[in-house]
């Protein structure tokens, strides 16, 4: 997954503009919560990317999400 695609996906999940999401942003600082995690897992699954909830729980930044999504293609 490309960085721009991931940032756009995170922004869509958070219902905000992509300009409000930076690759180095801490997830808790941008409103990422348990519903966001579930939505993210579902969106990745729709894209054929398998990621476990335990793996996702380790993510702390948007950059971490990108690394996980890219590693689990």
PDB file of N, CA and C in Angstrom:
ATOM      1  N   UNK A   1       0.849  -1.174   0.000  1.00  0.00           N
ATOM      2  CA  UNK A   1       0.000   0.000   0.000  1.00  0.00           C
ATOM      3  C   UNK A   1       0.898   1.241   0.000  1.00  0.00           C
ATOM      4  N   UNK A   2       0.544   2.178  -0.850  1.00  0.00           N
ATOM      5  CA  UNK A   2       1.293   3.428  -0.945  1.00  0.00           C
ATOM      6  C   UNK A   2       0.942   4.353   0.225  1.00  0.00           C
ATOM      7  N   UNK A   3       1.878   5.234   0.564  1.00  0.00           N
ATOM      8  CA  UNK A   3       1.678   6.156   1.682  1.00  0.00           C
ATOM      9  C   UNK A   3       0.436   7.020   1.490  1.00  0.00           C
ATOM     10  N   UNK A   4       0.274   7.567   0.316  1.00  0.00           N
ATOM     11  CA  UNK A   4      -0.876   8.438   0.055  1.00  0.00           C
ATOM     12  C   UNK A   4      -2.184   7.676   0.211  1.00  0.00           C
ATOM     13  N   UNK A   5      -2.222   6.452  -0.300  1.00  0.00           N
ATOM     14  CA  UNK A   5      -3.428   5.622  -0.185  1.00  0.00           C
ATOM     15  C   UNK A   5      -3.754   5.348   1.281  1.00  0.00           C
ATOM     16  N   UNK A   6      -2.723   5.045   2.074  1.00  0.00           N
ATOM     17  CA  UNK A   6      -2.947   4.765   3.489  1.00  0.00           C
ATOM     18  C   UNK A   6      -3.419   6.013   4.226  1.00  0.00           C
ATOM     19  N   UNK A   7      -2.799   7.143   3.990  1.00  0.00           N
ATOM     20  CA  UNK A   7      -3.212   8.390   4.646  1.00  0.00           C
ATOM     21  C   UNK A   7      -4.661   8.717   4.283  1.00  0.00           C
ATOM     22  N   UNK A   8      -5.014   8.526   3.016  1.00  0.00           N
ATOM     23  CA  UNK A   8      -6.397   8.770   2.596  1.00  0.00           C
ATOM     24  C   UNK A   8      -7.362   7.811   3.292  1.00  0.00           C
ATOM     25  N   UNK A   9      -6.958   6.558   3.447  1.00  0.00           N
ATOM     26  CA  UNK A   9      -7.792   5.580   4.124  1.00  0.00           C
ATOM     27  C   UNK A   9      -7.984   5.944   5.594  1.00  0.00           C
ATOM     28  N   UNK A  10      -6.910   6.302   6.258  1.00  0.00           N
ATOM     29  CA  UNK A  10      -7.005   6.702   7.666  1.00  0.00           C
ATOM     30  C   UNK A  10      -7.912   7.927   7.802  1.00  0.00           C
ATOM     31  N   UNK A  11      -7.743   8.892   6.920  1.00  0.00           N
ATOM     32  CA  UNK A  11      -8.585  10.094   6.960  1.00  0.00           C
ATOM     33  C   UNK A  11     -10.056   9.738   6.740  1.00  0.00           C
ATOM     34  N   UNK A  12     -10.315   8.842   5.808  1.00  0.00           N
ATOM     35  CA  UNK A  12     -11.696   8.415   5.546  1.00  0.00           C
ATOM     36  C   UNK A  12     -12.293   7.748   6.794  1.00  0.00           C
ATOM     37  N   UNK A  13     -11.527   6.876   7.421  1.00  0.00           N
ATOM     38  CA  UNK A  13     -12.002   6.194   8.627  1.00  0.00           C
ATOM     39  C   UNK A  13     -12.289   7.198   9.738  1.00  0.00           C
ATOM     40  N   UNK A  14     -11.425   8.193   9.866  1.00  0.00           N
ATOM     41  CA  UNK A  14     -11.581   9.197  10.920  1.00  0.00           C
ATOM     42  C   UNK A  14     -12.547  10.320  10.524  1.00  0.00           C
ATOM     43  N   UNK A  15     -13.061  10.239   9.303  1.00  0.00           N
ATOM     44  CA  UNK A  15     -13.985  11.250   8.786  1.00  0.00           C
ATOM     45  C   UNK A  15     -13.394  12.654   8.876  1.00  0.00           C
ATOM     46  N   UNK A  16     -12.188  12.775   8.340  1.00  0.00           N
ATOM     47  CA  UNK A  16     -11.496  14.059   8.304  1.00  0.00           C
ATOM     48  C   UNK A  16     -10.817  14.205   6.953  1.00  0.00           C
ATOM     49  N   UNK A  17     -10.284  15.354   6.704  1.00  0.00           N
ATOM     50  CA  UNK A  17      -9.541  15.602   5.476  1.00  0.00           C
ATOM     51  C   UNK A  17      -8.157  14.971   5.581  1.00  0.00           C
ATOM     52  N   UNK A  18      -7.652  14.467   4.478  1.00  0.00           N
ATOM     53  CA  UNK A  18      -6.335  13.826   4.469  1.00  0.00           C
ATOM     54  C   UNK A  18      -5.226  14.790   4.898  1.00  0.00           C
ATOM     55  N   UNK A  19      -5.442  16.082   4.715  1.00  0.00           N
ATOM     56  CA  UNK A  19      -4.425  17.059   5.137  1.00  0.00           C
ATOM     57  C   UNK A  19      -4.289  17.112   6.657  1.00  0.00           C
ATOM     58  N   UNK A  20      -5.252  16.528   7.375  1.00  0.00           N
ATOM     59  CA  UNK A  20      -5.195  16.489   8.835  1.00  0.00           C
ATOM     60  C   UNK A  20      -4.476  15.255   9.370  1.00  0.00           C
ATOM     61  N   UNK A  21      -4.002  14.401   8.463  1.00  0.00           N
ATOM     62  CA  UNK A  21      -3.341  13.159   8.858  1.00  0.00           C
ATOM     63  C   UNK A  21      -1.921  13.162   8.318  1.00  0.00           C
ATOM     64  N   UNK A  22      -0.955  13.140   9.231  1.00  0.00           N
ATOM     65  CA  UNK A  22       0.455  13.079   8.842  1.00  0.00           C
ATOM     66  C   UNK A  22       1.019  11.698   9.090  1.00  0.00           C
ATOM     67  N   UNK A  23       1.980  11.311   8.298  1.00  0.00           N
ATOM     68  CA  UNK A  23       2.541   9.963   8.390  1.00  0.00           C
ATOM     69  C   UNK A  23       3.183   9.706   9.758  1.00  0.00           C
ATOM     70  N   UNK A  24       3.659  10.741  10.424  1.00  0.00           N
ATOM     71  CA  UNK A  24       4.295  10.574  11.734  1.00  0.00           C
ATOM     72  C   UNK A  24       3.355  10.848  12.903  1.00  0.00           C
ATOM     73  N   UNK A  25       2.085  11.097  12.612  1.00  0.00           N
ATOM     74  CA  UNK A  25       1.120  11.376  13.685  1.00  0.00           C
ATOM     75  C   UNK A  25       0.916  10.156  14.577  1.00  0.00           C
ATOM     76  N   UNK A  26       0.803  10.424  15.870  1.00  0.00           N
ATOM     77  CA  UNK A  26       0.445   9.363  16.812  1.00  0.00           C
ATOM     78  C   UNK A  26      -1.045   9.091  16.658  1.00  0.00           C
ATOM     79  N   UNK A  27      -1.396   7.811  16.616  1.00  0.00           N
ATOM     80  CA  UNK A  27      -2.788   7.433  16.385  1.00  0.00           C
ATOM     81  C   UNK A  27      -3.717   7.996  17.451  1.00  0.00           C
ATOM     82  N   UNK A  28      -3.315   7.927  18.703  1.00  0.00           N
ATOM     83  CA  UNK A  28      -4.184   8.436  19.770  1.00  0.00           C
ATOM     84  C   UNK A  28      -4.393   9.942  19.645  1.00  0.00           C
ATOM     85  N   UNK A  29      -3.447  10.640  19.064  1.00  0.00           N
ATOM     86  CA  UNK A  29      -3.552  12.080  18.904  1.00  0.00           C
ATOM     87  C   UNK A  29      -4.495  12.521  17.796  1.00  0.00           C
ATOM     88  N   UNK A  30      -4.824  11.595  16.893  1.00  0.00           N
ATOM     89  CA  UNK A  30      -5.709  11.960  15.786  1.00  0.00           C
ATOM     90  C   UNK A  30      -7.098  11.323  15.925  1.00  0.00           C
ATOM     91  N   UNK A  31      -7.367  10.732  17.087  1.00  0.00           N
ATOM     92  CA  UNK A  31      -8.701  10.200  17.343  1.00  0.00           C
ATOM     93  C   UNK A  31      -8.896   8.737  16.997  1.00  0.00           C
ATOM     94  N   UNK A  32      -7.813   8.003  16.804  1.00  0.00           N
ATOM     95  CA  UNK A  32      -7.882   6.582  16.478  1.00  0.00           C
ATOM     96  C   UNK A  32      -8.389   5.818  17.696  1.00  0.00           C
ATOM     97  N   UNK A  33      -9.428   5.004  17.497  1.00  0.00           N
ATOM     98  CA  UNK A  33     -10.000   4.246  18.611  1.00  0.00           C
ATOM     99  C   UNK A  33     -10.316   2.816  18.166  1.00  0.00           C
ATOM    100  N   UNK A  34     -11.034   2.081  19.004  1.00  0.00           N
ATOM    101  CA  UNK A  34     -11.315   0.682  18.691  1.00  0.00           C
ATOM    102  C   UNK A  34     -12.174   0.540  17.433  1.00  0.00           C
ATOM    103  N   UNK A  35     -13.103   1.444  17.217  1.00  0.00           N
ATOM    104  CA  UNK A  35     -13.912   1.398  16.001  1.00  0.00           C
ATOM    105  C   UNK A  35     -13.048   1.671  14.767  1.00  0.00           C
ATOM    106  N   UNK A  36     -12.106   2.583  14.907  1.00  0.00           N
ATOM    107  CA  UNK A  36     -11.167   2.867  13.808  1.00  0.00           C
ATOM    108  C   UNK A  36     -10.364   1.625  13.461  1.00  0.00           C
ATOM    109  N   UNK A  37      -9.898   0.923  14.487  1.00  0.00           N
ATOM    110  CA  UNK A  37      -9.125  -0.301  14.253  1.00  0.00           C
ATOM    111  C   UNK A  37      -9.956  -1.341  13.498  1.00  0.00           C
ATOM    112  N   UNK A  38     -11.197  -1.528  13.913  1.00  0.00           N
ATOM    113  CA  UNK A  38     -12.060  -2.502  13.234  1.00  0.00           C
ATOM    114  C   UNK A  38     -12.313  -2.102  11.784  1.00  0.00           C
ATOM    115  N   UNK A  39     -12.564  -0.837  11.564  1.00  0.00           N
ATOM    116  CA  UNK A  39     -12.782  -0.341  10.200  1.00  0.00           C
ATOM    117  C   UNK A  39     -11.536  -0.537   9.344  1.00  0.00           C
ATOM    118  N   UNK A  40     -10.375  -0.275   9.929  1.00  0.00           N
ATOM    119  CA  UNK A  40      -9.113  -0.427   9.215  1.00  0.00           C
ATOM    120  C   UNK A  40      -8.894  -1.888   8.822  1.00  0.00           C
ATOM    121  N   UNK A  41      -9.130  -2.801   9.761  1.00  0.00           N
ATOM    122  CA  UNK A  41      -8.975  -4.231   9.465  1.00  0.00           C
ATOM    123  C   UNK A  41      -9.917  -4.656   8.341  1.00  0.00           C
ATOM    124  N   UNK A  42     -11.157  -4.178   8.373  1.00  0.00           N
ATOM    125  CA  UNK A  42     -12.126  -4.522   7.328  1.00  0.00           C
ATOM    126  C   UNK A  42     -11.698  -3.972   5.968  1.00  0.00           C
ATOM    127  N   UNK A  43     -11.222  -2.737   5.952  1.00  0.00           N
ATOM    128  CA  UNK A  43     -10.765  -2.131   4.692  1.00  0.00           C
ATOM    129  C   UNK A  43      -9.561  -2.882   4.127  1.00  0.00           C
ATOM    130  N   UNK A  44      -8.626  -3.265   4.988  1.00  0.00           N
ATOM    131  CA  UNK A  44      -7.471  -4.030   4.510  1.00  0.00           C
ATOM    132  C   UNK A  44      -7.913  -5.377   3.973  1.00  0.00           C
ATOM    133  N   UNK A  45      -8.841  -6.018   4.670  1.00  0.00           N
ATOM    134  CA  UNK A  45      -9.352  -7.309   4.217  1.00  0.00           C
ATOM    135  C   UNK A  45      -9.988  -7.182   2.834  1.00  0.00           C
ATOM    136  N   UNK A  46     -10.728  -6.111   2.606  1.00  0.00           N
ATOM    137  CA  UNK A  46     -11.330  -5.859   1.291  1.00  0.00           C
ATOM    138  C   UNK A  46     -10.269  -5.703   0.206  1.00  0.00           C
ATOM    139  N   UNK A  47      -9.076  -5.282   0.608  1.00  0.00           N
ATOM    140  CA  UNK A  47      -7.966  -5.091  -0.341  1.00  0.00           C
ATOM    141  C   UNK A  47      -7.068  -6.322  -0.422  1.00  0.00           C
ATOM    142  N   UNK A  48      -7.472  -7.401   0.244  1.00  0.00           N
ATOM    143  CA  UNK A  48      -6.691  -8.636   0.199  1.00  0.00           C
ATOM    144  C   UNK A  48      -5.473  -8.631   1.103  1.00  0.00           C
ATOM    145  N   UNK A  49      -5.474  -7.745   2.086  1.00  0.00           N
ATOM    146  CA  UNK A  49      -4.358  -7.656   3.034  1.00  0.00           C
ATOM    147  C   UNK A  49      -4.823  -8.209   4.371  1.00  0.00           C
ATOM    148  N   UNK A  50      -4.136  -9.240   4.833  1.00  0.00           N
ATOM    149  CA  UNK A  50      -4.516  -9.890   6.084  1.00  0.00           C
ATOM    150  C   UNK A  50      -3.658  -9.361   7.229  1.00  0.00           C
ATOM    151  N   UNK A  51      -4.328  -8.889   8.252  1.00  0.00           N
ATOM    152  CA  UNK A  51      -3.652  -8.330   9.417  1.00  0.00           C
ATOM    153  C   UNK A  51      -4.441  -8.740  10.655  1.00  0.00           C
ATOM    154  N   UNK A  52      -3.738  -9.227  11.662  1.00  0.00           N
ATOM    155  CA  UNK A  52      -4.438  -9.660  12.868  1.00  0.00           C
ATOM    156  C   UNK A  52      -4.668  -8.473  13.804  1.00  0.00           C
ATOM    157  N   UNK A  53      -5.699  -8.560  14.629  1.00  0.00           N
ATOM    158  CA  UNK A  53      -5.939  -7.500  15.613  1.00  0.00           C
ATOM    159  C   UNK A  53      -4.747  -7.307  16.551  1.00  0.00           C
ATOM    160  N   UNK A  54      -4.042  -8.389  16.869  1.00  0.00           N
ATOM    161  CA  UNK A  54      -2.872  -8.281  17.744  1.00  0.00           C
ATOM    162  C   UNK A  54      -1.758  -7.478  17.084  1.00  0.00           C
ATOM    163  N   UNK A  55      -1.552  -7.703  15.782  1.00  0.00           N
ATOM    164  CA  UNK A  55      -0.543  -6.926  15.057  1.00  0.00           C
ATOM    165  C   UNK A  55      -0.927  -5.450  15.052  1.00  0.00           C
ATOM    166  N   UNK A  56      -2.189  -5.194  14.784  1.00  0.00           N
ATOM    167  CA  UNK A  56      -2.662  -3.816  14.706  1.00  0.00           C
ATOM    168  C   UNK A  56      -2.558  -3.112  16.060  1.00  0.00           C
ATOM    169  N   UNK A  57      -2.746  -3.846  17.141  1.00  0.00           N
ATOM    170  CA  UNK A  57      -2.680  -3.260  18.485  1.00  0.00           C
ATOM    171  C   UNK A  57      -1.296  -2.697  18.791  1.00  0.00           C
ATOM    172  N   UNK A  58      -0.274  -3.178  18.100  1.00  0.00           N
ATOM    173  CA  UNK A  58       1.098  -2.705  18.310  1.00  0.00           C
ATOM    174  C   UNK A  58       1.379  -1.358  17.627  1.00  0.00           C
ATOM    175  N   UNK A  59       0.535  -0.981  16.679  1.00  0.00           N
ATOM    176  CA  UNK A  59       0.757   0.262  15.922  1.00  0.00           C
ATOM    177  C   UNK A  59       0.534   1.477  16.810  1.00  0.00           C
ATOM    178  N   UNK A  60       1.461   2.412  16.748  1.00  0.00           N
ATOM    179  CA  UNK A  60       1.367   3.641  17.531  1.00  0.00           C
ATOM    180  C   UNK A  60       1.250   4.895  16.662  1.00  0.00           C
ATOM    181  N   UNK A  61       1.703   4.791  15.408  1.00  0.00           N
ATOM    182  CA  UNK A  61       1.685   5.939  14.501  1.00  0.00           C
ATOM    183  C   UNK A  61       1.085   5.536  13.157  1.00  0.00           C
ATOM    184  N   UNK A  62       0.766   6.521  12.357  1.00  0.00           N
ATOM    185  CA  UNK A  62       0.281   6.258  11.005  1.00  0.00           C
ATOM    186  C   UNK A  62       1.357   5.511  10.224  1.00  0.00           C
ATOM    187  N   UNK A  63       2.602   5.852  10.450  1.00  0.00           N
ATOM    188  CA  UNK A  63       3.715   5.165   9.808  1.00  0.00           C
ATOM    189  C   UNK A  63       3.734   3.681  10.171  1.00  0.00           C
ATOM    190  N   UNK A  64       3.416   3.354  11.406  1.00  0.00           N
ATOM    191  CA  UNK A  64       3.317   1.945  11.829  1.00  0.00           C
ATOM    192  C   UNK A  64       2.243   1.224  11.029  1.00  0.00           C
ATOM    193  N   UNK A  65       1.109   1.895  10.787  1.00  0.00           N
ATOM    194  CA  UNK A  65       0.037   1.292   9.996  1.00  0.00           C
ATOM    195  C   UNK A  65       0.515   0.989   8.577  1.00  0.00           C
ATOM    196  N   UNK A  66       1.266   1.924   8.015  1.00  0.00           N
ATOM    197  CA  UNK A  66       1.803   1.746   6.671  1.00  0.00           C
ATOM    198  C   UNK A  66       2.736   0.549   6.639  1.00  0.00           C
ATOM    199  N   UNK A  67       3.602   0.433   7.618  1.00  0.00           N
ATOM    200  CA  UNK A  67       4.544  -0.690   7.664  1.00  0.00           C
ATOM    201  C   UNK A  67       3.799  -2.016   7.778  1.00  0.00           C
ATOM    202  N   UNK A  68       2.783  -2.066   8.617  1.00  0.00           N
ATOM    203  CA  UNK A  68       2.006  -3.295   8.765  1.00  0.00           C
ATOM    204  C   UNK A  68       1.261  -3.656   7.490  1.00  0.00           C
ATOM    205  N   UNK A  69       0.619  -2.686   6.883  1.00  0.00           N
ATOM    206  CA  UNK A  69      -0.143  -2.938   5.664  1.00  0.00           C
ATOM    207  C   UNK A  69       0.786  -3.376   4.525  1.00  0.00           C
ATOM    208  N   UNK A  70       1.965  -2.794   4.461  1.00  0.00           N
ATOM    209  CA  UNK A  70       2.915  -3.139   3.403  1.00  0.00           C
ATOM    210  C   UNK A  70       3.533  -4.518   3.619  1.00  0.00           C
ATOM    211  N   UNK A  71       3.769  -4.878   4.865  1.00  0.00           N
ATOM    212  CA  UNK A  71       4.404  -6.149   5.189  1.00  0.00           C
ATOM    213  C   UNK A  71       3.459  -7.333   5.032  1.00  0.00           C
ATOM    214  N   UNK A  72       2.171  -7.083   5.086  1.00  0.00           N
ATOM    215  CA  UNK A  72       1.188  -8.173   5.077  1.00  0.00           C
ATOM    216  C   UNK A  72       0.406  -8.266   3.772  1.00  0.00           C
ATOM    217  N   UNK A  73       0.981  -7.797   2.688  1.00  0.00           N
ATOM    218  CA  UNK A  73       0.305  -7.824   1.380  1.00  0.00           C
ATOM    219  C   UNK A  73       0.073  -9.203   0.904  1.00  0.00           C
TER     220      UNK A  73
END
